[in-house]
Structure formats: structure tokens, C-alpha cells
Amino acid sequence: KVETDHIRLIILEADADPIIRELSL
């Protein structure tokens, strides 16, 4: 459990430009 007001998803490796359909907390 963490308290924050800002989350980031960082893609470190990908075969093509990433497309994120959903990021939910």
C-alpha cells in the first residue's frame, strides 16, 4: 500500500509504440 497523487507507467522495452487501453488504480 502506497499513498500518492501521481503514478507513472514507464515502458522500458517494446516491439512498437505502446498503446495503453487502460491504467487503473
PDB file of all heavy atoms in Angstrom:
ATOM      1  N   LYS A   1       0.836  -1.205   0.000  1.00  0.00           N
ATOM      2  CA  LYS A   1       0.000   0.000   0.000  1.00  0.00           C
ATOM      3  C   LYS A   1       0.871   1.255   0.000  1.00  0.00           C
ATOM      4  O   LYS A   1       1.845   1.374   0.754  1.00  0.00           O
ATOM      5  CB  LYS A   1      -0.911  -0.001   1.226  1.00  0.00           C
ATOM      6  CG  LYS A   1      -1.934   1.143   1.228  1.00  0.00           C
ATOM      7  CD  LYS A   1      -2.725   1.182   2.525  1.00  0.00           C
ATOM      8  CE  LYS A   1      -3.605  -0.036   2.688  1.00  0.00           C
ATOM      9  NZ  LYS A   1      -4.469   0.091   3.907  1.00  0.00           N
ATOM     10  N   VAL A   2       0.503   2.175  -0.873  1.00  0.00           N
ATOM     11  CA  VAL A   2       1.256   3.419  -1.010  1.00  0.00           C
ATOM     12  C   VAL A   2       0.271   4.573  -1.125  1.00  0.00           C
ATOM     13  O   VAL A   2      -0.830   4.421  -1.657  1.00  0.00           O
ATOM     14  CB  VAL A   2       2.190   3.357  -2.252  1.00  0.00           C
ATOM     15  CG1 VAL A   2       1.396   3.201  -3.531  1.00  0.00           C
ATOM     16  CG2 VAL A   2       3.091   4.580  -2.335  1.00  0.00           C
ATOM     17  N   GLU A   3       0.665   5.743  -0.606  1.00  0.00           N
ATOM     18  CA  GLU A   3      -0.143   6.957  -0.738  1.00  0.00           C
ATOM     19  C   GLU A   3       0.557   7.907  -1.691  1.00  0.00           C
ATOM     20  O   GLU A   3       1.743   8.225  -1.529  1.00  0.00           O
ATOM     21  CB  GLU A   3      -0.351   7.635   0.613  1.00  0.00           C
ATOM     22  CG  GLU A   3      -1.266   8.852   0.519  1.00  0.00           C
ATOM     23  CD  GLU A   3      -1.465   9.552   1.875  1.00  0.00           C
ATOM     24  OE1 GLU A   3      -0.688   9.256   2.798  1.00  0.00           O
ATOM     25  OE2 GLU A   3      -2.379  10.388   1.977  1.00  0.00           O
ATOM     26  N   THR A   4      -0.179   8.380  -2.696  1.00  0.00           N
ATOM     27  CA  THR A   4       0.402   9.268  -3.704  1.00  0.00           C
ATOM     28  C   THR A   4      -0.708   9.978  -4.463  1.00  0.00           C
ATOM     29  O   THR A   4      -1.882   9.568  -4.415  1.00  0.00           O
ATOM     30  CB  THR A   4       1.288   8.478  -4.681  1.00  0.00           C
ATOM     31  OG1 THR A   4       1.953   9.393  -5.567  1.00  0.00           O
ATOM     32  CG2 THR A   4       0.478   7.502  -5.503  1.00  0.00           C
ATOM     33  N   ASP A   5      -0.326  11.030  -5.190  1.00  0.00           N
ATOM     34  CA  ASP A   5      -1.286  11.678  -6.095  1.00  0.00           C
ATOM     35  C   ASP A   5      -0.808  11.618  -7.547  1.00  0.00           C
ATOM     36  O   ASP A   5      -1.358  12.277  -8.419  1.00  0.00           O
ATOM     37  CB  ASP A   5      -1.533  13.136  -5.681  1.00  0.00           C
ATOM     38  CG  ASP A   5      -0.275  14.003  -5.767  1.00  0.00           C
ATOM     39  OD1 ASP A   5       0.804  13.470  -6.114  1.00  0.00           O
ATOM     40  OD2 ASP A   5      -0.367  15.207  -5.475  1.00  0.00           O
ATOM     41  N   HIS A   6       0.246  10.808  -7.787  1.00  0.00           N
ATOM     42  CA  HIS A   6       0.807  10.752  -9.140  1.00  0.00           C
ATOM     43  C   HIS A   6       1.480   9.389  -9.353  1.00  0.00           C
ATOM     44  O   HIS A   6       2.398   9.017  -8.627  1.00  0.00           O
ATOM     45  CB  HIS A   6       1.814  11.892  -9.321  1.00  0.00           C
ATOM     46  CG  HIS A   6       2.325  12.044 -10.717  1.00  0.00           C
ATOM     47  ND1 HIS A   6       3.269  13.013 -11.072  1.00  0.00           N
ATOM     48  CD2 HIS A   6       2.048  11.376 -11.868  1.00  0.00           C
ATOM     49  CE1 HIS A   6       3.527  12.912 -12.364  1.00  0.00           C
ATOM     50  NE2 HIS A   6       2.805  11.923 -12.877  1.00  0.00           N
ATOM     51  N   ILE A   7       0.978   8.653 -10.342  1.00  0.00           N
ATOM     52  CA  ILE A   7       1.538   7.358 -10.749  1.00  0.00           C
ATOM     53  C   ILE A   7       2.015   7.485 -12.188  1.00  0.00           C
ATOM     54  O   ILE A   7       1.376   8.158 -13.012  1.00  0.00           O
ATOM     55  CB  ILE A   7       0.470   6.241 -10.652  1.00  0.00           C
ATOM     56  CG1 ILE A   7       0.123   5.944  -9.193  1.00  0.00           C
ATOM     57  CG2 ILE A   7       0.931   4.977 -11.365  1.00  0.00           C
ATOM     58  CD1 ILE A   7       1.153   5.143  -8.443  1.00  0.00           C
ATOM     59  N   ARG A   8       3.125   6.825 -12.496  1.00  0.00           N
ATOM     60  CA  ARG A   8       3.522   6.804 -13.907  1.00  0.00           C
ATOM     61  C   ARG A   8       3.903   5.383 -14.310  1.00  0.00           C
ATOM     62  O   ARG A   8       4.501   4.634 -13.548  1.00  0.00           O
ATOM     63  CB  ARG A   8       4.676   7.771 -14.171  1.00  0.00           C
ATOM     64  CG  ARG A   8       6.006   7.433 -13.525  1.00  0.00           C
ATOM     65  CD  ARG A   8       7.025   8.529 -13.797  1.00  0.00           C
ATOM     66  NE  ARG A   8       8.344   8.179 -13.246  1.00  0.00           N
ATOM     67  CZ  ARG A   8       9.372   9.014 -13.205  1.00  0.00           C
ATOM     68  NH1 ARG A   8       9.240  10.263 -13.671  1.00  0.00           N
ATOM     69  NH2 ARG A   8      10.547   8.625 -12.708  1.00  0.00           N
ATOM     70  N   LEU A   9       3.505   5.047 -15.506  1.00  0.00           N
ATOM     71  CA  LEU A   9       3.848   3.770 -16.139  1.00  0.00           C
ATOM     72  C   LEU A   9       4.936   4.053 -17.167  1.00  0.00           C
ATOM     73  O   LEU A   9       4.742   4.867 -18.080  1.00  0.00           O
ATOM     74  CB  LEU A   9       2.617   3.162 -16.815  1.00  0.00           C
ATOM     75  CG  LEU A   9       2.843   1.941 -17.711  1.00  0.00           C
ATOM     76  CD1 LEU A   9       3.316   0.742 -16.885  1.00  0.00           C
ATOM     77  CD2 LEU A   9       1.558   1.594 -18.471  1.00  0.00           C
ATOM     78  N   ILE A  10       6.066   3.391 -17.015  1.00  0.00           N
ATOM     79  CA  ILE A  10       7.182   3.583 -17.937  1.00  0.00           C
ATOM     80  C   ILE A  10       7.429   2.287 -18.691  1.00  0.00           C
ATOM     81  O   ILE A  10       7.646   1.232 -18.079  1.00  0.00           O
ATOM     82  CB  ILE A  10       8.456   4.016 -17.186  1.00  0.00           C
ATOM     83  CG1 ILE A  10       8.215   5.361 -16.490  1.00  0.00           C
ATOM     84  CG2 ILE A  10       9.640   4.123 -18.142  1.00  0.00           C
ATOM     85  CD1 ILE A  10       9.383   5.824 -15.652  1.00  0.00           C
ATOM     86  N   ILE A  11       7.373   2.349 -20.008  1.00  0.00           N
ATOM     87  CA  ILE A  11       7.641   1.194 -20.849  1.00  0.00           C
ATOM     88  C   ILE A  11       9.135   1.174 -21.143  1.00  0.00           C
ATOM     89  O   ILE A  11       9.672   2.094 -21.761  1.00  0.00           O
ATOM     90  CB  ILE A  11       6.830   1.240 -22.162  1.00  0.00           C
ATOM     91  CG1 ILE A  11       5.349   1.497 -21.869  1.00  0.00           C
ATOM     92  CG2 ILE A  11       7.036  -0.048 -22.944  1.00  0.00           C
ATOM     93  CD1 ILE A  11       4.702   0.520 -20.920  1.00  0.00           C
ATOM     94  N   LEU A  12       9.790   0.120 -20.696  1.00  0.00           N
ATOM     95  CA  LEU A  12      11.244   0.026 -20.827  1.00  0.00           C
ATOM     96  C   LEU A  12      11.675  -0.642 -22.125  1.00  0.00           C
ATOM     97  O   LEU A  12      12.732  -0.314 -22.668  1.00  0.00           O
ATOM     98  CB  LEU A  12      11.818  -0.743 -19.631  1.00  0.00           C
ATOM     99  CG  LEU A  12      11.527  -0.123 -18.257  1.00  0.00           C
ATOM    100  CD1 LEU A  12      11.942  -1.076 -17.149  1.00  0.00           C
ATOM    101  CD2 LEU A  12      12.226   1.221 -18.109  1.00  0.00           C
ATOM    102  N   GLU A  13      10.869  -1.573 -22.611  1.00  0.00           N
ATOM    103  CA  GLU A  13      11.159  -2.248 -23.880  1.00  0.00           C
ATOM    104  C   GLU A  13       9.845  -2.531 -24.592  1.00  0.00           C
ATOM    105  O   GLU A  13       8.860  -2.908 -23.955  1.00  0.00           O
ATOM    106  CB  GLU A  13      11.893  -3.576 -23.653  1.00  0.00           C
ATOM    107  CG  GLU A  13      13.292  -3.455 -23.090  1.00  0.00           C
ATOM    108  CD  GLU A  13      13.943  -4.824 -22.907  1.00  0.00           C
ATOM    109  OE1 GLU A  13      13.594  -5.752 -23.672  1.00  0.00           O
ATOM    110  OE2 GLU A  13      14.769  -4.958 -21.991  1.00  0.00           O
ATOM    111  N   ALA A  14       9.835  -2.364 -25.915  1.00  0.00           N
ATOM    112  CA  ALA A  14       8.628  -2.636 -26.701  1.00  0.00           C
ATOM    113  C   ALA A  14       9.021  -2.921 -28.144  1.00  0.00           C
ATOM    114  O   ALA A  14      10.033  -2.429 -28.636  1.00  0.00           O
ATOM    115  CB  ALA A  14       7.659  -1.460 -26.637  1.00  0.00           C
ATOM    116  N   ASP A  15       8.191  -3.722 -28.811  1.00  0.00           N
ATOM    117  CA  ASP A  15       8.421  -4.035 -30.217  1.00  0.00           C
ATOM    118  C   ASP A  15       7.910  -2.939 -31.149  1.00  0.00           C
ATOM    119  O   ASP A  15       8.271  -2.907 -32.325  1.00  0.00           O
ATOM    120  CB  ASP A  15       7.734  -5.358 -30.575  1.00  0.00           C
ATOM    121  CG  ASP A  15       8.565  -6.565 -30.165  1.00  0.00           C
ATOM    122  OD1 ASP A  15       9.805  -6.443 -30.122  1.00  0.00           O
ATOM    123  OD2 ASP A  15       7.983  -7.621 -29.899  1.00  0.00           O
ATOM    124  N   ALA A  16       7.025  -2.101 -30.636  1.00  0.00           N
ATOM    125  CA  ALA A  16       6.482  -0.976 -31.402  1.00  0.00           C
ATOM    126  C   ALA A  16       5.915   0.013 -30.388  1.00  0.00           C
ATOM    127  O   ALA A  16       5.885  -0.264 -29.182  1.00  0.00           O
ATOM    128  CB  ALA A  16       5.400  -1.455 -32.372  1.00  0.00           C
ATOM    129  N   ASP A  17       5.478   1.177 -30.848  1.00  0.00           N
ATOM    130  CA  ASP A  17       4.981   2.196 -29.934  1.00  0.00           C
ATOM    131  C   ASP A  17       3.853   1.634 -29.071  1.00  0.00           C
ATOM    132  O   ASP A  17       2.847   1.147 -29.590  1.00  0.00           O
ATOM    133  CB  ASP A  17       4.470   3.409 -30.707  1.00  0.00           C
ATOM    134  CG  ASP A  17       5.614   4.185 -31.354  1.00  0.00           C
ATOM    135  OD1 ASP A  17       6.775   3.980 -30.934  1.00  0.00           O
ATOM    136  OD2 ASP A  17       5.337   4.993 -32.261  1.00  0.00           O
ATOM    137  N   PRO A  18       3.981   1.708 -27.751  1.00  0.00           N
ATOM    138  CA  PRO A  18       2.970   1.136 -26.852  1.00  0.00           C
ATOM    139  C   PRO A  18       1.630   1.876 -26.936  1.00  0.00           C
ATOM    140  O   PRO A  18       1.592   3.106 -27.081  1.00  0.00           O
ATOM    141  CB  PRO A  18       3.588   1.292 -25.466  1.00  0.00           C
ATOM    142  CG  PRO A  18       5.056   1.498 -25.706  1.00  0.00           C
ATOM    143  CD  PRO A  18       5.140   2.221 -27.006  1.00  0.00           C
ATOM    144  N   ILE A  19       0.548   1.103 -26.831  1.00  0.00           N
ATOM    145  CA  ILE A  19      -0.796   1.671 -26.781  1.00  0.00           C
ATOM    146  C   ILE A  19      -1.477   1.100 -25.538  1.00  0.00           C
ATOM    147  O   ILE A  19      -1.790  -0.092 -25.488  1.00  0.00           O
ATOM    148  CB  ILE A  19      -1.621   1.342 -28.042  1.00  0.00           C
ATOM    149  CG1 ILE A  19      -0.866   1.777 -29.306  1.00  0.00           C
ATOM    150  CG2 ILE A  19      -2.989   2.019 -27.973  1.00  0.00           C
ATOM    151  CD1 ILE A  19      -1.543   1.367 -30.599  1.00  0.00           C
ATOM    152  N   ILE A  20      -1.699   1.943 -24.546  1.00  0.00           N
ATOM    153  CA  ILE A  20      -2.294   1.518 -23.289  1.00  0.00           C
ATOM    154  C   ILE A  20      -3.802   1.768 -23.339  1.00  0.00           C
ATOM    155  O   ILE A  20      -4.262   2.908 -23.415  1.00  0.00           O
ATOM    156  CB  ILE A  20      -1.669   2.265 -22.086  1.00  0.00           C
ATOM    157  CG1 ILE A  20      -0.167   1.986 -22.015  1.00  0.00           C
ATOM    158  CG2 ILE A  20      -2.354   1.853 -20.785  1.00  0.00           C
ATOM    159  CD1 ILE A  20       0.192   0.512 -21.860  1.00  0.00           C
ATOM    160  N   ARG A  21      -4.549   0.687 -23.285  1.00  0.00           N
ATOM    161  CA  ARG A  21      -6.011   0.769 -23.288  1.00  0.00           C
ATOM    162  C   ARG A  21      -6.539   1.241 -21.936  1.00  0.00           C
ATOM    163  O   ARG A  21      -7.545   1.948 -21.855  1.00  0.00           O
ATOM    164  CB  ARG A  21      -6.577  -0.612 -23.624  1.00  0.00           C
ATOM    165  CG  ARG A  21      -8.081  -0.741 -23.564  1.00  0.00           C
ATOM    166  CD  ARG A  21      -8.477  -2.162 -23.928  1.00  0.00           C
ATOM    167  NE  ARG A  21      -9.885  -2.415 -23.693  1.00  0.00           N
ATOM    168  CZ  ARG A  21     -10.466  -3.590 -23.900  1.00  0.00           C
ATOM    169  NH1 ARG A  21      -9.744  -4.616 -24.349  1.00  0.00           N
ATOM    170  NH2 ARG A  21     -11.758  -3.762 -23.650  1.00  0.00           N
ATOM    171  N   GLU A  22      -5.856   0.804 -20.868  1.00  0.00           N
ATOM    172  CA  GLU A  22      -6.312   1.185 -19.528  1.00  0.00           C
ATOM    173  C   GLU A  22      -5.176   1.080 -18.526  1.00  0.00           C
ATOM    174  O   GLU A  22      -4.399   0.130 -18.534  1.00  0.00           O
ATOM    175  CB  GLU A  22      -7.466   0.283 -19.077  1.00  0.00           C
ATOM    176  CG  GLU A  22      -7.987   0.574 -17.678  1.00  0.00           C
ATOM    177  CD  GLU A  22      -9.076  -0.389 -17.237  1.00  0.00           C
ATOM    178  OE1 GLU A  22      -9.788  -0.936 -18.102  1.00  0.00           O
ATOM    179  OE2 GLU A  22      -9.204  -0.590 -16.015  1.00  0.00           O
ATOM    180  N   LEU A  23      -5.094   2.059 -17.669  1.00  0.00           N
ATOM    181  CA  LEU A  23      -4.270   2.029 -16.462  1.00  0.00           C
ATOM    182  C   LEU A  23      -5.180   2.492 -15.339  1.00  0.00           C
ATOM    183  O   LEU A  23      -5.614   3.646 -15.317  1.00  0.00           O
ATOM    184  CB  LEU A  23      -3.042   2.938 -16.581  1.00  0.00           C
ATOM    185  CG  LEU A  23      -2.274   3.205 -15.282  1.00  0.00           C
ATOM    186  CD1 LEU A  23      -1.743   1.893 -14.686  1.00  0.00           C
ATOM    187  CD2 LEU A  23      -1.137   4.191 -15.511  1.00  0.00           C
ATOM    188  N   SER A  24      -5.508   1.564 -14.413  1.00  0.00           N
ATOM    189  CA  SER A  24      -6.422   1.870 -13.328  1.00  0.00           C
ATOM    190  C   SER A  24      -5.796   1.512 -11.993  1.00  0.00           C
ATOM    191  O   SER A  24      -5.041   0.533 -11.899  1.00  0.00           O
ATOM    192  CB  SER A  24      -7.749   1.110 -13.485  1.00  0.00           C
ATOM    193  OG  SER A  24      -8.435   1.512 -14.645  1.00  0.00           O
ATOM    194  N   LEU A  25      -6.143   2.276 -10.964  1.00  0.00           N
ATOM    195  CA  LEU A  25      -5.607   2.095  -9.624  1.00  0.00           C
ATOM    196  C   LEU A  25      -6.725   1.740  -8.646  1.00  0.00           C
ATOM    197  O   LEU A  25      -7.859   2.238  -8.774  1.00  0.00           O
ATOM    198  CB  LEU A  25      -4.931   3.383  -9.156  1.00  0.00           C
ATOM    199  CG  LEU A  25      -3.869   3.955 -10.097  1.00  0.00           C
ATOM    200  CD1 LEU A  25      -3.414   5.319  -9.609  1.00  0.00           C
ATOM    201  CD2 LEU A  25      -2.686   3.006 -10.235  1.00  0.00           C
TER     202      LEU A  25
END
